[in-house]
Amino acid sequence: MRLSIPVLDASPAWISYALLLCASIGFMSSSALASEQPLAESQTSADQHLAVVELDRLQVAEPDMTGWDRKRIAGYKAARADSSPPDAILRVPRLKVSVPIFEGTSDHTLNLGAGRIEGTASLEDGSGNVGLAAHRDGFFRPLKDIQVGDALYVDSRSSRRVYRVSKVWIVEPDNVDVLSATDHSSITLVTCYPFYFVGSAPQRFIVQAREEQRAMVSDGE
């Protein structure tokens, strides 16, 4: 199987770096960012989220575009005119972020929100590593402030899942080990780095989180 980390910067043409998965993991990590210990202040109650019943769990408010690039704002508004409901919603409460999730990483999809990277686990799978990509100058801009220990919530049509950030680090664009399959349920967020780099950013910013809790959603909810 071949996987690729999408090129997320705005450019005339999209380029995908496709490499065979390596047998062993060899991350180019940043010690200032990587850590395995959760932060005490981020240990909010996941049970509270699982207990909440929203009128429509797959609705998301208009994003706060204060820090977005002008072209990204224009792209989002144009894409909204021809869009379908999202497959799921990613929420990071501490950062006050809600991101609609769609299938694939096309220009249109990434203008609307985050896209599931082809070849990674499905949002409906019971285990495996779900890869999500989004733009650094749009929906994933707030990830610059994410911390180990932060809670991530994913609401799909069939379930509500709570993840805990276990690692944050930086890799080169051709390092697809970050998307390797796992024997447990995890999620990996990918965006370009540095966040405020002018032009095509040279690296990728990676956030990985492990599932802690799951609640299935009945048809009547």
Protein backbone atom coordinates (compact mmCIF):
# COMPACT_ATOMS: atom_id res chain seq x y z
CA MET A 1 0.00 0.00 0.00
CA ARG A 2 1.19 3.51 -0.80
CA LEU A 3 0.34 6.53 1.27
CA SER A 4 1.12 10.18 0.73
CA ILE A 5 1.07 13.28 2.89
CA PRO A 6 -0.86 15.90 0.92
CA VAL A 7 0.77 19.18 -0.02
CA LEU A 8 -1.51 21.64 1.72
CA ASP A 9 -0.20 25.04 0.65
CA ALA A 10 -2.00 27.00 -2.04
CA SER A 11 -0.16 26.46 -5.34
CA PRO A 12 -0.91 26.23 -9.10
CA ALA A 13 -0.64 22.45 -8.98
CA TRP A 14 -0.89 19.87 -6.22
CA ILE A 15 2.02 17.51 -5.61
CA SER A 16 1.78 14.30 -3.57
CA TYR A 17 4.80 12.63 -2.01
CA ALA A 18 4.09 8.88 -2.36
CA LEU A 19 6.49 6.49 -0.63
CA LEU A 20 6.26 2.89 0.54
CA LEU A 21 5.61 2.55 4.27
CA CYS A 22 8.75 1.68 6.21
CA ALA A 23 8.85 -1.37 8.44
CA SER A 24 10.09 0.63 11.39
CA ILE A 25 9.20 4.09 12.57
CA GLY A 26 11.90 6.73 12.18
CA PHE A 27 10.39 10.08 12.96
CA MET A 28 12.31 13.34 12.62
CA SER A 29 11.01 14.79 15.82
CA SER A 30 11.42 18.07 17.60
CA SER A 31 12.25 17.57 21.25
CA ALA A 32 10.66 20.89 22.12
CA LEU A 33 7.34 19.65 20.78
CA ALA A 34 7.30 15.90 21.40
CA SER A 35 6.20 14.55 24.74
CA GLU A 36 4.40 11.51 26.04
CA GLN A 37 3.10 13.02 29.29
CA PRO A 38 -0.38 14.59 29.27
CA LEU A 39 -0.80 18.04 30.75
CA ALA A 40 -2.80 18.15 33.96
CA GLU A 41 -4.78 21.23 32.94
CA SER A 42 -6.06 19.43 29.84
CA GLN A 43 -7.58 16.50 31.71
CA THR A 44 -11.19 17.57 31.23
CA SER A 45 -13.98 15.07 31.68
CA ALA A 46 -14.59 13.13 28.48
CA ASP A 47 -17.73 11.69 30.04
CA GLN A 48 -19.37 15.11 29.89
CA HIS A 49 -18.91 15.24 26.14
CA LEU A 50 -20.25 11.72 25.65
CA ALA A 51 -23.34 12.57 27.68
CA VAL A 52 -24.28 15.61 25.61
CA VAL A 53 -27.03 15.09 23.07
CA GLU A 54 -26.97 17.79 20.40
CA LEU A 55 -29.88 18.52 18.08
CA ASP A 56 -27.66 17.87 15.08
CA ARG A 57 -24.20 16.56 15.88
CA LEU A 58 -22.92 17.08 12.35
CA GLN A 59 -23.72 20.78 12.23
CA VAL A 60 -20.85 23.20 12.74
CA ALA A 61 -21.00 26.96 13.12
CA GLU A 62 -19.26 29.30 10.72
CA PRO A 63 -15.52 29.13 11.49
CA ASP A 64 -13.66 32.00 13.09
CA MET A 65 -11.57 33.16 10.13
CA THR A 66 -9.71 35.91 11.99
CA GLY A 67 -6.29 34.35 11.42
CA TRP A 68 -6.97 32.89 7.98
CA ASP A 69 -5.22 33.83 4.74
CA ARG A 70 -7.38 35.92 2.41
CA LYS A 71 -7.20 33.34 -0.37
CA ARG A 72 -8.23 30.63 2.08
CA ILE A 73 -11.28 32.66 3.13
CA ALA A 74 -12.27 33.17 -0.50
CA GLY A 75 -11.77 29.47 -1.21
CA TYR A 76 -13.96 28.48 1.72
CA LYS A 77 -16.79 30.82 0.75
CA ALA A 78 -16.72 29.61 -2.85
CA ALA A 79 -16.69 25.95 -1.82
CA ARG A 80 -19.64 26.42 0.53
CA ALA A 81 -21.84 27.17 -2.48
CA ASP A 82 -21.42 23.58 -3.66
CA SER A 83 -20.96 21.37 -0.62
CA SER A 84 -22.48 18.31 1.02
CA PRO A 85 -22.93 17.62 4.74
CA PRO A 86 -19.68 16.52 6.43
CA ASP A 87 -18.96 12.91 7.36
CA ALA A 88 -17.95 13.95 10.87
CA ILE A 89 -16.93 16.90 13.04
CA LEU A 90 -13.56 17.29 14.78
CA ARG A 91 -13.63 19.43 17.92
CA VAL A 92 -10.77 20.68 20.08
CA PRO A 93 -12.53 22.37 23.01
CA ARG A 94 -9.47 24.02 24.57
CA LEU A 95 -8.70 25.73 21.27
CA LYS A 96 -12.40 26.42 20.58
CA VAL A 97 -12.08 24.72 17.21
CA SER A 98 -14.71 22.81 15.23
CA VAL A 99 -13.70 21.38 11.86
CA PRO A 100 -15.99 19.54 9.41
CA ILE A 101 -14.45 16.33 8.07
CA PHE A 102 -14.88 15.12 4.49
CA GLU A 103 -13.54 12.26 2.39
CA GLY A 104 -10.35 12.87 0.39
CA THR A 105 -7.89 15.74 0.08
CA SER A 106 -8.92 17.54 -3.09
CA ASP A 107 -8.74 21.33 -3.37
CA HIS A 108 -12.50 21.56 -2.95
CA THR A 109 -12.52 19.31 0.12
CA LEU A 110 -9.71 21.14 1.91
CA ASN A 111 -11.39 24.47 1.27
CA LEU A 112 -14.40 23.12 3.19
CA GLY A 113 -12.56 21.63 6.16
CA ALA A 114 -10.34 18.64 6.92
CA GLY A 115 -10.05 15.66 4.59
CA ARG A 116 -9.46 12.00 5.41
CA ILE A 117 -6.20 10.93 3.78
CA GLU A 118 -6.74 8.06 1.36
CA GLY A 119 -5.24 4.77 2.56
CA THR A 120 -5.66 5.53 6.27
CA ALA A 121 -8.30 4.03 8.54
CA SER A 122 -11.95 4.98 8.09
CA LEU A 123 -13.77 7.09 10.66
CA GLU A 124 -16.07 4.11 11.18
CA ASP A 125 -13.30 1.56 11.77
CA GLY A 126 -12.96 0.08 15.23
CA SER A 127 -9.19 0.44 15.20
CA GLY A 128 -6.39 1.85 13.07
CA ASN A 129 -4.94 5.27 12.37
CA VAL A 130 -7.23 7.88 10.79
CA GLY A 131 -5.23 10.52 8.91
CA LEU A 132 -6.77 13.99 8.58
CA ALA A 133 -5.26 16.86 6.60
CA ALA A 134 -6.21 20.55 6.53
CA HIS A 135 -4.63 23.88 5.66
CA ARG A 136 -2.25 25.65 8.07
CA ASP A 137 -3.66 29.04 7.02
CA GLY A 138 -7.27 27.93 7.47
CA PHE A 139 -9.04 25.37 9.64
CA PHE A 140 -5.83 23.95 11.18
CA ARG A 141 -4.26 27.32 12.01
CA PRO A 142 -5.18 26.91 15.73
CA LEU A 143 -3.13 23.71 15.93
CA LYS A 144 -0.09 25.91 16.47
CA ASP A 145 -1.26 26.12 20.10
CA ILE A 146 -2.19 22.47 20.66
CA GLN A 147 -0.57 20.62 23.55
CA VAL A 148 0.04 17.05 24.61
CA GLY A 149 -2.90 16.06 26.81
CA ASP A 150 -5.51 18.07 24.91
CA ALA A 151 -8.78 16.26 24.23
CA LEU A 152 -10.05 15.80 20.66
CA TYR A 153 -13.68 14.85 20.02
CA VAL A 154 -14.92 13.30 16.77
CA ASP A 155 -18.65 13.03 16.14
CA SER A 156 -19.66 10.88 13.17
CA ARG A 157 -23.01 9.51 12.09
CA SER A 158 -22.56 6.37 14.18
CA SER A 159 -20.40 7.32 17.14
CA ARG A 160 -18.81 9.90 19.41
CA ARG A 161 -15.14 9.34 20.12
CA VAL A 162 -12.80 10.99 22.58
CA TYR A 163 -9.08 11.11 21.82
CA ARG A 164 -6.15 12.40 23.89
CA VAL A 165 -3.15 14.06 22.21
CA SER A 166 -0.07 11.93 22.91
CA LYS A 167 2.52 13.53 20.64
CA VAL A 168 3.16 16.69 18.60
CA TRP A 169 6.13 16.87 16.25
CA ILE A 170 7.52 17.96 12.87
CA VAL A 171 8.54 15.78 9.91
CA GLU A 172 9.78 16.17 6.37
CA PRO A 173 7.12 15.97 3.61
CA ASP A 174 8.21 12.52 2.47
CA ASN A 175 7.97 10.93 5.92
CA VAL A 176 4.73 8.93 5.69
CA ASP A 177 5.49 6.79 8.74
CA VAL A 178 3.18 9.14 10.63
CA LEU A 179 0.29 7.55 8.72
CA SER A 180 1.26 3.96 9.52
CA ALA A 181 -1.53 1.65 10.67
CA THR A 182 -1.88 1.08 14.41
CA ASP A 183 -3.36 -1.83 16.36
CA HIS A 184 -5.40 0.62 18.42
CA SER A 185 -7.74 3.45 17.47
CA SER A 186 -5.84 6.69 16.84
CA ILE A 187 -6.07 9.86 14.82
CA THR A 188 -3.28 11.82 13.12
CA LEU A 189 -3.67 15.46 12.11
CA VAL A 190 -1.41 16.77 9.34
CA THR A 191 -0.77 20.32 8.17
CA CYS A 192 2.10 22.29 6.66
CA TYR A 193 4.77 23.94 8.81
CA PRO A 194 5.89 26.59 9.73
CA PHE A 195 2.41 28.00 10.15
CA TYR A 196 3.31 31.51 8.98
CA PHE A 197 5.87 30.57 6.35
CA VAL A 198 5.60 32.68 3.19
CA GLY A 199 5.29 30.39 0.17
CA SER A 200 5.17 26.61 0.12
CA ALA A 201 6.00 25.46 3.66
CA PRO A 202 8.89 22.96 3.73
CA GLN A 203 7.78 20.66 6.57
CA ARG A 204 4.72 19.00 8.07
CA PHE A 205 3.25 19.55 11.54
CA ILE A 206 1.89 16.33 13.05
CA VAL A 207 -0.52 15.78 15.94
CA GLN A 208 -1.26 12.24 17.06
CA ALA A 209 -3.96 11.25 19.54
CA ARG A 210 -5.18 7.94 20.92
CA GLU A 211 -8.83 7.05 21.46
CA GLU A 212 -9.90 6.93 25.10
CA GLN A 213 -13.66 6.54 24.95
CA ARG A 214 -16.41 5.79 22.48
CA ALA A 215 -20.19 5.99 22.54
CA MET A 216 -22.30 4.55 19.75
CA VAL A 217 -25.16 6.73 18.52
CA SER A 218 -28.62 5.24 18.04
CA ASP A 219 -30.83 6.16 15.10
CA GLY A 220 -33.18 7.95 17.42
CA GLU A 221 -30.56 10.33 18.83
